[in-house]
PDB file of all heavy atoms in Angstrom:
ATOM      1  N   PRO A   1     -89.868 167.665   1.100  1.00  0.00           N
ATOM      2  CA  PRO A   1     -90.061 167.440   2.541  1.00  0.00           C
ATOM      3  C   PRO A   1     -90.683 166.078   2.802  1.00  0.00           C
ATOM      4  O   PRO A   1     -91.152 165.395   1.886  1.00  0.00           O
ATOM      5  CB  PRO A   1     -91.002 168.586   2.950  1.00  0.00           C
ATOM      6  CG  PRO A   1     -91.719 168.960   1.689  1.00  0.00           C
ATOM      7  CD  PRO A   1     -90.744 168.737   0.577  1.00  0.00           C
ATOM      8  N   ASN A   2     -90.693 165.674   4.062  1.00  0.00           N
ATOM      9  CA  ASN A   2     -91.327 164.407   4.425  1.00  0.00           C
ATOM     10  C   ASN A   2     -92.788 164.404   3.978  1.00  0.00           C
ATOM     11  O   ASN A   2     -93.500 165.393   4.131  1.00  0.00           O
ATOM     12  CB  ASN A   2     -91.261 164.192   5.942  1.00  0.00           C
ATOM     13  CG  ASN A   2     -89.856 163.908   6.425  1.00  0.00           C
ATOM     14  OD1 ASN A   2     -89.045 163.357   5.694  1.00  0.00           O
ATOM     15  ND2 ASN A   2     -89.564 164.285   7.667  1.00  0.00           N
ATOM     16  N   GLY A   3     -93.220 163.274   3.420  1.00  0.00           N
ATOM     17  CA  GLY A   3     -94.597 163.163   2.955  1.00  0.00           C
ATOM     18  C   GLY A   3     -94.846 163.763   1.591  1.00  0.00           C
ATOM     19  O   GLY A   3     -95.994 163.857   1.154  1.00  0.00           O
ATOM     20  N   ALA A   4     -93.771 164.150   0.888  1.00  0.00           N
ATOM     21  CA  ALA A   4     -93.941 164.803  -0.415  1.00  0.00           C
ATOM     22  C   ALA A   4     -94.317 163.827  -1.522  1.00  0.00           C
ATOM     23  O   ALA A   4     -94.786 164.241  -2.576  1.00  0.00           O
ATOM     24  CB  ALA A   4     -92.657 165.540  -0.798  1.00  0.00           C
ATOM     25  N   GLY A   5     -94.080 162.530  -1.300  1.00  0.00           N
ATOM     26  CA  GLY A   5     -94.397 161.534  -2.325  1.00  0.00           C
ATOM     27  C   GLY A   5     -93.183 160.947  -3.020  1.00  0.00           C
ATOM     28  O   GLY A   5     -93.314 160.201  -3.989  1.00  0.00           O
ATOM     29  N   LYS A   6     -91.981 161.253  -2.510  1.00  0.00           N
ATOM     30  CA  LYS A   6     -90.753 160.795  -3.156  1.00  0.00           C
ATOM     31  C   LYS A   6     -90.663 159.264  -3.207  1.00  0.00           C
ATOM     32  O   LYS A   6     -90.415 158.678  -4.263  1.00  0.00           O
ATOM     33  CB  LYS A   6     -89.524 161.344  -2.416  1.00  0.00           C
ATOM     34  CG  LYS A   6     -89.469 162.847  -2.278  1.00  0.00           C
ATOM     35  CD  LYS A   6     -88.206 163.305  -1.609  1.00  0.00           C
ATOM     36  CE  LYS A   6     -88.034 162.772  -0.200  1.00  0.00           C
ATOM     37  NZ  LYS A   6     -89.068 163.257   0.737  1.00  0.00           N
ATOM     38  N   THR A   7     -90.872 158.629  -2.056  1.00  0.00           N
ATOM     39  CA  THR A   7     -90.756 157.174  -2.010  1.00  0.00           C
ATOM     40  C   THR A   7     -91.853 156.518  -2.822  1.00  0.00           C
ATOM     41  O   THR A   7     -91.612 155.510  -3.512  1.00  0.00           O
ATOM     42  CB  THR A   7     -90.793 156.684  -0.551  1.00  0.00           C
ATOM     43  OG1 THR A   7     -89.688 157.242   0.161  1.00  0.00           O
ATOM     44  CG2 THR A   7     -90.719 155.171  -0.485  1.00  0.00           C
ATOM     45  N   SER A   8     -93.049 157.077  -2.777  1.00  0.00           N
ATOM     46  CA  SER A   8     -94.146 156.515  -3.583  1.00  0.00           C
ATOM     47  C   SER A   8     -93.830 156.586  -5.071  1.00  0.00           C
ATOM     48  O   SER A   8     -94.076 155.628  -5.819  1.00  0.00           O
ATOM     49  CB  SER A   8     -95.449 157.261  -3.298  1.00  0.00           C
ATOM     50  OG  SER A   8     -95.881 157.039  -1.968  1.00  0.00           O
ATOM     51  N   LEU A   9     -93.251 157.703  -5.499  1.00  0.00           N
ATOM     52  CA  LEU A   9     -92.884 157.834  -6.909  1.00  0.00           C
ATOM     53  C   LEU A   9     -91.779 156.845  -7.262  1.00  0.00           C
ATOM     54  O   LEU A   9     -91.813 156.205  -8.319  1.00  0.00           O
ATOM     55  CB  LEU A   9     -92.438 159.262  -7.205  1.00  0.00           C
ATOM     56  CG  LEU A   9     -92.108 159.558  -8.668  1.00  0.00           C
ATOM     57  CD1 LEU A   9     -93.308 159.299  -9.566  1.00  0.00           C
ATOM     58  CD2 LEU A   9     -91.632 160.995  -8.831  1.00  0.00           C
ATOM     59  N   PHE A  10     -90.805 156.712  -6.375  1.00  0.00           N
ATOM     60  CA  PHE A  10     -89.728 155.741  -6.585  1.00  0.00           C
ATOM     61  C   PHE A  10     -90.295 154.334  -6.718  1.00  0.00           C
ATOM     62  O   PHE A  10     -89.854 153.544  -7.557  1.00  0.00           O
ATOM     63  CB  PHE A  10     -88.770 155.815  -5.397  1.00  0.00           C
ATOM     64  CG  PHE A  10     -87.315 155.876  -5.787  1.00  0.00           C
ATOM     65  CD1 PHE A  10     -86.879 156.735  -6.768  1.00  0.00           C
ATOM     66  CD2 PHE A  10     -86.381 155.077  -5.149  1.00  0.00           C
ATOM     67  CE1 PHE A  10     -85.543 156.813  -7.112  1.00  0.00           C
ATOM     68  CE2 PHE A  10     -85.044 155.147  -5.481  1.00  0.00           C
ATOM     69  CZ  PHE A  10     -84.621 156.011  -6.467  1.00  0.00           C
ATOM     70  N   ASN A  11     -91.280 154.017  -5.877  1.00  0.00           N
ATOM     71  CA  ASN A  11     -91.896 152.698  -5.928  1.00  0.00           C
ATOM     72  C   ASN A  11     -92.665 152.482  -7.228  1.00  0.00           C
ATOM     73  O   ASN A  11     -92.763 151.350  -7.716  1.00  0.00           O
ATOM     74  CB  ASN A  11     -92.816 152.491  -4.731  1.00  0.00           C
ATOM     75  CG  ASN A  11     -92.051 152.228  -3.453  1.00  0.00           C
ATOM     76  OD1 ASN A  11     -90.915 151.773  -3.481  1.00  0.00           O
ATOM     77  ND2 ASN A  11     -92.670 152.524  -2.317  1.00  0.00           N
ATOM     78  N   CYS A  12     -93.201 153.548  -7.787  1.00  0.00           N
ATOM     79  CA  CYS A  12     -93.869 153.435  -9.093  1.00  0.00           C
ATOM     80  C   CYS A  12     -92.845 153.147 -10.194  1.00  0.00           C
ATOM     81  O   CYS A  12     -93.065 152.299 -11.066  1.00  0.00           O
ATOM     82  CB  CYS A  12     -94.625 154.720  -9.422  1.00  0.00           C
ATOM     83  SG  CYS A  12     -96.084 155.033  -8.404  1.00  0.00           S
ATOM     84  N   ILE A  13     -91.715 153.858 -10.157  1.00  0.00           N
ATOM     85  CA  ILE A  13     -90.690 153.670 -11.181  1.00  0.00           C
ATOM     86  C   ILE A  13     -90.119 152.254 -11.113  1.00  0.00           C
ATOM     87  O   ILE A  13     -89.875 151.613 -12.144  1.00  0.00           O
ATOM     88  CB  ILE A  13     -89.559 154.707 -11.017  1.00  0.00           C
ATOM     89  CG1 ILE A  13     -90.097 156.130 -11.190  1.00  0.00           C
ATOM     90  CG2 ILE A  13     -88.439 154.456 -12.039  1.00  0.00           C
ATOM     91  CD1 ILE A  13     -89.092 157.213 -10.818  1.00  0.00           C
ATOM     92  N   SER A  14     -89.911 151.749  -9.891  1.00  0.00           N
ATOM     93  CA  SER A  14     -89.261 150.450  -9.722  1.00  0.00           C
ATOM     94  C   SER A  14     -90.229 149.277  -9.756  1.00  0.00           C
ATOM     95  O   SER A  14     -89.816 148.126  -9.594  1.00  0.00           O
ATOM     96  CB  SER A  14     -88.477 150.423  -8.404  1.00  0.00           C
ATOM     97  OG  SER A  14     -89.335 150.625  -7.300  1.00  0.00           O
ATOM     98  N   GLY A  15     -91.524 149.547  -9.943  1.00  0.00           N
ATOM     99  CA  GLY A  15     -92.493 148.473 -10.113  1.00  0.00           C
ATOM    100  C   GLY A  15     -93.111 147.947  -8.841  1.00  0.00           C
ATOM    101  O   GLY A  15     -93.887 146.982  -8.878  1.00  0.00           O
ATOM    102  N   HIS A  16     -92.822 148.565  -7.695  1.00  0.00           N
ATOM    103  CA  HIS A  16     -93.414 148.104  -6.439  1.00  0.00           C
ATOM    104  C   HIS A  16     -94.826 148.647  -6.245  1.00  0.00           C
ATOM    105  O   HIS A  16     -95.614 148.063  -5.503  1.00  0.00           O
ATOM    106  CB  HIS A  16     -92.515 148.503  -5.266  1.00  0.00           C
ATOM    107  CG  HIS A  16     -91.217 147.742  -5.239  1.00  0.00           C
ATOM    108  ND1 HIS A  16     -90.127 148.111  -6.007  1.00  0.00           N
ATOM    109  CD2 HIS A  16     -90.842 146.619  -4.571  1.00  0.00           C
ATOM    110  CE1 HIS A  16     -89.134 147.252  -5.796  1.00  0.00           C
ATOM    111  NE2 HIS A  16     -89.540 146.353  -4.931  1.00  0.00           N
ATOM    112  N   TYR A  17     -95.130 149.791  -6.875  1.00  0.00           N
ATOM    113  CA  TYR A  17     -96.497 150.302  -6.925  1.00  0.00           C
ATOM    114  C   TYR A  17     -96.908 150.415  -8.382  1.00  0.00           C
ATOM    115  O   TYR A  17     -96.066 150.672  -9.253  1.00  0.00           O
ATOM    116  CB  TYR A  17     -96.603 151.707  -6.300  1.00  0.00           C
ATOM    117  CG  TYR A  17     -96.404 151.797  -4.808  1.00  0.00           C
ATOM    118  CD1 TYR A  17     -96.196 153.044  -4.216  1.00  0.00           C
ATOM    119  CD2 TYR A  17     -96.458 150.673  -3.984  1.00  0.00           C
ATOM    120  CE1 TYR A  17     -96.023 153.170  -2.848  1.00  0.00           C
ATOM    121  CE2 TYR A  17     -96.281 150.796  -2.610  1.00  0.00           C
ATOM    122  CZ  TYR A  17     -96.058 152.038  -2.056  1.00  0.00           C
ATOM    123  OH  TYR A  17     -95.881 152.157  -0.693  1.00  0.00           O
ATOM    124  N   ARG A  18     -98.214 150.243  -8.616  1.00  0.00           N
ATOM    125  CA  ARG A  18     -98.742 150.435  -9.967  1.00  0.00           C
ATOM    126  C   ARG A  18     -99.573 151.710  -9.988  1.00  0.00           C
ATOM    127  O   ARG A  18    -100.629 151.794  -9.349  1.00  0.00           O
ATOM    128  CB  ARG A  18     -99.610 149.257 -10.400  1.00  0.00           C
ATOM    129  CG  ARG A  18    -100.077 149.397 -11.839  1.00  0.00           C
ATOM    130  CD  ARG A  18    -100.978 148.266 -12.277  1.00  0.00           C
ATOM    131  NE  ARG A  18    -101.309 148.425 -13.683  1.00  0.00           N
ATOM    132  CZ  ARG A  18    -100.915 147.617 -14.650  1.00  0.00           C
ATOM    133  NH1 ARG A  18    -100.166 146.577 -14.356  1.00  0.00           N
ATOM    134  NH2 ARG A  18    -101.277 147.828 -15.901  1.00  0.00           N
ATOM    135  N   PRO A  19     -99.124 152.754 -10.691  1.00  0.00           N
ATOM    136  CA  PRO A  19     -99.892 153.999 -10.760  1.00  0.00           C
ATOM    137  C   PRO A  19    -101.268 153.767 -11.392  1.00  0.00           C
ATOM    138  O   PRO A  19    -101.458 152.820 -12.167  1.00  0.00           O
ATOM    139  CB  PRO A  19     -99.034 154.892 -11.660  1.00  0.00           C
ATOM    140  CG  PRO A  19     -97.665 154.304 -11.605  1.00  0.00           C
ATOM    141  CD  PRO A  19     -97.870 152.845 -11.442  1.00  0.00           C
ATOM    142  N   HIS A  20    -102.213 154.642 -11.066  1.00  0.00           N
ATOM    143  CA  HIS A  20    -103.553 154.533 -11.635  1.00  0.00           C
ATOM    144  C   HIS A  20    -103.595 155.052 -13.070  1.00  0.00           C
ATOM    145  O   HIS A  20    -104.445 154.640 -13.858  1.00  0.00           O
ATOM    146  CB  HIS A  20    -104.564 155.290 -10.765  1.00  0.00           C
ATOM    147  CG  HIS A  20    -104.783 154.624  -9.440  1.00  0.00           C
ATOM    148  ND1 HIS A  20    -103.939 154.800  -8.362  1.00  0.00           N
ATOM    149  CD2 HIS A  20    -105.736 153.759  -9.031  1.00  0.00           C
ATOM    150  CE1 HIS A  20    -104.374 154.080  -7.338  1.00  0.00           C
ATOM    151  NE2 HIS A  20    -105.459 153.447  -7.718  1.00  0.00           N
ATOM    152  N   SER A  21    -102.696 155.953 -13.400  1.00  0.00           N
ATOM    153  CA  SER A  21    -102.639 156.462 -14.775  1.00  0.00           C
ATOM    154  C   SER A  21    -101.282 157.106 -15.003  1.00  0.00           C
ATOM    155  O   SER A  21    -100.527 157.355 -14.061  1.00  0.00           O
ATOM    156  CB  SER A  21    -103.759 157.473 -15.043  1.00  0.00           C
ATOM    157  OG  SER A  21    -103.630 158.606 -14.186  1.00  0.00           O
ATOM    158  N   GLY A  22    -101.005 157.373 -16.257  1.00  0.00           N
ATOM    159  CA  GLY A  22     -99.748 157.999 -16.615  1.00  0.00           C
ATOM    160  C   GLY A  22     -98.882 157.076 -17.441  1.00  0.00           C
ATOM    161  O   GLY A  22     -99.323 156.007 -17.895  1.00  0.00           O
ATOM    162  N   SER A  23     -97.641 157.457 -17.625  1.00  0.00           N
ATOM    163  CA  SER A  23     -96.716 156.696 -18.452  1.00  0.00           C
ATOM    164  C   SER A  23     -95.316 156.759 -17.853  1.00  0.00           C
ATOM    165  O   SER A  23     -94.889 157.803 -17.363  1.00  0.00           O
ATOM    166  CB  SER A  23     -96.702 157.266 -19.877  1.00  0.00           C
ATOM    167  OG  SER A  23     -95.704 156.651 -20.664  1.00  0.00           O
ATOM    168  N   ILE A  24     -94.626 155.623 -17.874  1.00  0.00           N
ATOM    169  CA  ILE A  24     -93.217 155.552 -17.492  1.00  0.00           C
ATOM    170  C   ILE A  24     -92.503 154.770 -18.584  1.00  0.00           C
ATOM    171  O   ILE A  24     -92.833 153.609 -18.830  1.00  0.00           O
ATOM    172  CB  ILE A  24     -93.009 154.861 -16.131  1.00  0.00           C
ATOM    173  CG1 ILE A  24     -93.746 155.616 -15.022  1.00  0.00           C
ATOM    174  CG2 ILE A  24     -91.518 154.764 -15.802  1.00  0.00           C
ATOM    175  CD1 ILE A  24     -93.695 154.932 -13.670  1.00  0.00           C
ATOM    176  N   THR A  25     -91.549 155.410 -19.268  1.00  0.00           N
ATOM    177  CA  THR A  25     -90.865 154.744 -20.364  1.00  0.00           C
ATOM    178  C   THR A  25     -89.359 154.732 -20.136  1.00  0.00           C
ATOM    179  O   THR A  25     -88.799 155.628 -19.518  1.00  0.00           O
ATOM    180  CB  THR A  25     -91.150 155.434 -21.720  1.00  0.00           C
ATOM    181  OG1 THR A  25     -90.638 156.778 -21.687  1.00  0.00           O
ATOM    182  CG2 THR A  25     -92.639 155.468 -22.015  1.00  0.00           C
ATOM    183  N   VAL A  26     -88.719 153.693 -20.643  1.00  0.00           N
ATOM    184  CA  VAL A  26     -87.265 153.560 -20.667  1.00  0.00           C
ATOM    185  C   VAL A  26     -86.856 153.485 -22.129  1.00  0.00           C
ATOM    186  O   VAL A  26     -87.238 152.547 -22.841  1.00  0.00           O
ATOM    187  CB  VAL A  26     -86.792 152.302 -19.909  1.00  0.00           C
ATOM    188  CG1 VAL A  26     -85.292 152.102 -20.086  1.00  0.00           C
ATOM    189  CG2 VAL A  26     -87.149 152.398 -18.432  1.00  0.00           C
ATOM    190  N   ASP A  27     -86.124 154.501 -22.589  1.00  0.00           N
ATOM    191  CA  ASP A  27     -85.754 154.609 -24.007  1.00  0.00           C
ATOM    192  C   ASP A  27     -86.974 154.447 -24.912  1.00  0.00           C
ATOM    193  O   ASP A  27     -86.927 153.766 -25.940  1.00  0.00           O
ATOM    194  CB  ASP A  27     -84.679 153.585 -24.365  1.00  0.00           C
ATOM    195  CG  ASP A  27     -83.290 154.037 -23.965  1.00  0.00           C
ATOM    196  OD1 ASP A  27     -83.113 155.243 -23.665  1.00  0.00           O
ATOM    197  OD2 ASP A  27     -82.365 153.206 -23.959  1.00  0.00           O
ATOM    198  N   GLY A  28     -88.088 155.071 -24.493  1.00  0.00           N
ATOM    199  CA  GLY A  28     -89.298 155.072 -25.300  1.00  0.00           C
ATOM    200  C   GLY A  28     -90.184 153.850 -25.165  1.00  0.00           C
ATOM    201  O   GLY A  28     -91.271 153.796 -25.745  1.00  0.00           O
ATOM    202  N   VAL A  29     -89.763 152.848 -24.391  1.00  0.00           N
ATOM    203  CA  VAL A  29     -90.548 151.625 -24.202  1.00  0.00           C
ATOM    204  C   VAL A  29     -91.345 151.738 -22.911  1.00  0.00           C
ATOM    205  O   VAL A  29     -90.771 151.986 -21.835  1.00  0.00           O
ATOM    206  CB  VAL A  29     -89.637 150.381 -24.146  1.00  0.00           C
ATOM    207  CG1 VAL A  29     -90.455 149.124 -23.875  1.00  0.00           C
ATOM    208  CG2 VAL A  29     -88.860 150.238 -25.441  1.00  0.00           C
ATOM    209  N   GLU A  30     -92.654 151.576 -22.998  1.00  0.00           N
ATOM    210  CA  GLU A  30     -93.517 151.683 -21.832  1.00  0.00           C
ATOM    211  C   GLU A  30     -93.226 150.551 -20.847  1.00  0.00           C
ATOM    212  O   GLU A  30     -93.230 149.375 -21.219  1.00  0.00           O
ATOM    213  CB  GLU A  30     -94.988 151.621 -22.249  1.00  0.00           C
ATOM    214  CG  GLU A  30     -95.977 151.756 -21.101  1.00  0.00           C
ATOM    215  CD  GLU A  30     -95.919 153.118 -20.432  1.00  0.00           C
ATOM    216  OE1 GLU A  30     -96.167 154.131 -21.119  1.00  0.00           O
ATOM    217  OE2 GLU A  30     -95.602 153.158 -19.220  1.00  0.00           O
ATOM    218  N   VAL A  31     -92.954 150.904 -19.577  1.00  0.00           N
ATOM    219  CA  VAL A  31     -92.670 149.895 -18.559  1.00  0.00           C
ATOM    220  C   VAL A  31     -93.622 150.002 -17.368  1.00  0.00           C
ATOM    221  O   VAL A  31     -93.534 149.199 -16.440  1.00  0.00           O
ATOM    222  CB  VAL A  31     -91.211 149.997 -18.056  1.00  0.00           C
ATOM    223  CG1 VAL A  31     -90.230 149.759 -19.187  1.00  0.00           C
ATOM    224  CG2 VAL A  31     -90.940 151.344 -17.372  1.00  0.00           C
ATOM    225  N   LEU A  32     -94.525 150.978 -17.394  1.00  0.00           N
ATOM    226  CA  LEU A  32     -95.434 151.179 -16.266  1.00  0.00           C
ATOM    227  C   LEU A  32     -96.236 149.912 -16.000  1.00  0.00           C
ATOM    228  O   LEU A  32     -96.779 149.292 -16.909  1.00  0.00           O
ATOM    229  CB  LEU A  32     -96.378 152.354 -16.546  1.00  0.00           C
ATOM    230  CG  LEU A  32     -97.308 152.772 -15.413  1.00  0.00           C
ATOM    231  CD1 LEU A  32     -97.554 154.278 -15.457  1.00  0.00           C
ATOM    232  CD2 LEU A  32     -98.659 152.055 -15.523  1.00  0.00           C
ATOM    233  N   GLY A  33     -96.293 149.530 -14.724  1.00  0.00           N
ATOM    234  CA  GLY A  33     -97.089 148.376 -14.329  1.00  0.00           C
ATOM    235  C   GLY A  33     -96.343 147.071 -14.338  1.00  0.00           C
ATOM    236  O   GLY A  33     -96.872 146.052 -13.884  1.00  0.00           O
ATOM    237  N   ASN A  34     -95.097 147.057 -14.839  1.00  0.00           N
ATOM    238  CA  ASN A  34     -94.319 145.821 -14.832  1.00  0.00           C
ATOM    239  C   ASN A  34     -93.784 145.529 -13.434  1.00  0.00           C
ATOM    240  O   ASN A  34     -93.514 146.441 -12.651  1.00  0.00           O
ATOM    241  CB  ASN A  34     -93.143 145.918 -15.804  1.00  0.00           C
ATOM    242  CG  ASN A  34     -93.570 145.757 -17.249  1.00  0.00           C
ATOM    243  OD1 ASN A  34     -94.409 144.914 -17.570  1.00  0.00           O
ATOM    244  ND2 ASN A  34     -93.003 146.566 -18.123  1.00  0.00           N
ATOM    245  N   ALA A  35     -93.600 144.247 -13.145  1.00  0.00           N
ATOM    246  CA  ALA A  35     -93.044 143.833 -11.860  1.00  0.00           C
ATOM    247  C   ALA A  35     -91.557 144.157 -11.803  1.00  0.00           C
ATOM    248  O   ALA A  35     -90.910 144.289 -12.844  1.00  0.00           O
ATOM    249  CB  ALA A  35     -93.269 142.333 -11.665  1.00  0.00           C
ATOM    250  N   PRO A  36     -90.994 144.279 -10.581  1.00  0.00           N
ATOM    251  CA  PRO A  36     -89.570 144.594 -10.454  1.00  0.00           C
ATOM    252  C   PRO A  36     -88.653 143.660 -11.237  1.00  0.00           C
ATOM    253  O   PRO A  36     -87.669 144.097 -11.836  1.00  0.00           O
ATOM    254  CB  PRO A  36     -89.332 144.482  -8.946  1.00  0.00           C
ATOM    255  CG  PRO A  36     -90.651 144.844  -8.333  1.00  0.00           C
ATOM    256  CD  PRO A  36     -91.670 144.271  -9.260  1.00  0.00           C
ATOM    257  N   ALA A  37     -88.963 142.353 -11.263  1.00  0.00           N
ATOM    258  CA  ALA A  37     -88.103 141.408 -11.990  1.00  0.00           C
ATOM    259  C   ALA A  37     -88.113 141.697 -13.482  1.00  0.00           C
ATOM    260  O   ALA A  37     -87.079 141.588 -14.154  1.00  0.00           O
ATOM    261  CB  ALA A  37     -88.559 139.980 -11.727  1.00  0.00           C
ATOM    262  N   THR A  38     -89.272 142.082 -14.011  1.00  0.00           N
ATOM    263  CA  THR A  38     -89.360 142.427 -15.428  1.00  0.00           C
ATOM    264  C   THR A  38     -88.601 143.718 -15.710  1.00  0.00           C
ATOM    265  O   THR A  38     -87.899 143.832 -16.714  1.00  0.00           O
ATOM    266  CB  THR A  38     -90.835 142.586 -15.850  1.00  0.00           C
ATOM    267  OG1 THR A  38     -91.536 141.372 -15.568  1.00  0.00           O
ATOM    268  CG2 THR A  38     -90.939 142.904 -17.332  1.00  0.00           C
ATOM    269  N   LEU A  39     -88.735 144.675 -14.801  1.00  0.00           N
ATOM    270  CA  LEU A  39     -88.031 145.951 -14.981  1.00  0.00           C
ATOM    271  C   LEU A  39     -86.514 145.764 -14.946  1.00  0.00           C
ATOM    272  O   LEU A  39     -85.784 146.484 -15.632  1.00  0.00           O
ATOM    273  CB  LEU A  39     -88.456 146.943 -13.899  1.00  0.00           C
ATOM    274  CG  LEU A  39     -89.904 147.440 -14.019  1.00  0.00           C
ATOM    275  CD1 LEU A  39     -90.261 148.311 -12.825  1.00  0.00           C
ATOM    276  CD2 LEU A  39     -90.100 148.212 -15.303  1.00  0.00           C
ATOM    277  N   ALA A  40     -86.046 144.796 -14.167  1.00  0.00           N
ATOM    278  CA  ALA A  40     -84.605 144.515 -14.140  1.00  0.00           C
ATOM    279  C   ALA A  40     -84.124 144.118 -15.530  1.00  0.00           C
ATOM    280  O   ALA A  40     -83.007 144.465 -15.933  1.00  0.00           O
ATOM    281  CB  ALA A  40     -84.310 143.411 -13.131  1.00  0.00           C
ATOM    282  N   ARG A  41     -84.970 143.422 -16.283  1.00  0.00           N
ATOM    283  CA  ARG A  41     -84.589 143.030 -17.643  1.00  0.00           C
ATOM    284  C   ARG A  41     -84.628 144.215 -18.601  1.00  0.00           C
ATOM    285  O   ARG A  41     -84.044 144.161 -19.677  1.00  0.00           O
ATOM    286  CB  ARG A  41     -85.497 141.906 -18.133  1.00  0.00           C
ATOM    287  CG  ARG A  41     -85.344 140.615 -17.321  1.00  0.00           C
ATOM    288  CD  ARG A  41     -86.164 139.465 -17.859  1.00  0.00           C
ATOM    289  NE  ARG A  41     -85.955 138.275 -17.058  1.00  0.00           N
ATOM    290  CZ  ARG A  41     -86.671 137.938 -15.997  1.00  0.00           C
ATOM    291  NH1 ARG A  41     -87.673 138.724 -15.602  1.00  0.00           N
ATOM    292  NH2 ARG A  41     -86.408 136.840 -15.318  1.00  0.00           N
ATOM    293  N   HIS A  42     -85.319 145.279 -18.202  1.00  0.00           N
ATOM    294  CA  HIS A  42     -85.303 146.526 -18.976  1.00  0.00           C
ATOM    295  C   HIS A  42     -84.140 147.422 -18.567  1.00  0.00           C
ATOM    296  O   HIS A  42     -84.011 148.532 -19.082  1.00  0.00           O
ATOM    297  CB  HIS A  42     -86.624 147.275 -18.794  1.00  0.00           C
ATOM    298  CG  HIS A  42     -87.770 146.712 -19.579  1.00  0.00           C
ATOM    299  ND1 HIS A  42     -87.927 146.920 -20.932  1.00  0.00           N
ATOM    300  CD2 HIS A  42     -88.819 145.937 -19.189  1.00  0.00           C
ATOM    301  CE1 HIS A  42     -89.019 146.312 -21.350  1.00  0.00           C
ATOM    302  NE2 HIS A  42     -89.580 145.709 -20.311  1.00  0.00           N
ATOM    303  N   GLY A  43     -83.337 146.964 -17.602  1.00  0.00           N
ATOM    304  CA  GLY A  43     -82.148 147.716 -17.224  1.00  0.00           C
ATOM    305  C   GLY A  43     -82.291 148.564 -15.977  1.00  0.00           C
ATOM    306  O   GLY A  43     -81.401 149.365 -15.676  1.00  0.00           O
ATOM    307  N   LEU A  44     -83.381 148.404 -15.208  1.00  0.00           N
ATOM    308  CA  LEU A  44     -83.547 149.167 -13.973  1.00  0.00           C
ATOM    309  C   LEU A  44     -83.049 148.361 -12.780  1.00  0.00           C
ATOM    310  O   LEU A  44     -83.385 147.184 -12.630  1.00  0.00           O
ATOM    311  CB  LEU A  44     -85.010 149.534 -13.739  1.00  0.00           C
ATOM    312  CG  LEU A  44     -85.519 150.796 -14.447  1.00  0.00           C
ATOM    313  CD1 LEU A  44     -85.902 150.469 -15.887  1.00  0.00           C
ATOM    314  CD2 LEU A  44     -86.729 151.376 -13.722  1.00  0.00           C
ATOM    315  N   ALA A  45     -82.245 148.998 -11.943  1.00  0.00           N
ATOM    316  CA  ALA A  45     -81.798 148.391 -10.687  1.00  0.00           C
ATOM    317  C   ALA A  45     -82.025 149.398  -9.578  1.00  0.00           C
ATOM    318  O   ALA A  45     -81.949 150.605  -9.799  1.00  0.00           O
ATOM    319  CB  ALA A  45     -80.325 147.992 -10.758  1.00  0.00           C
TER     320      ALA A  45
END
């Protein structure tokens, strides 16, 4: 539902927000906290 946190989570995955804790990996490589341009080089669009 609205306000559930979907967009915020999406922004964490895509590098627009930096989570306070946790892990986000692409093929086992940690990408949490990287900027969107860096994530693009990891294959995220």
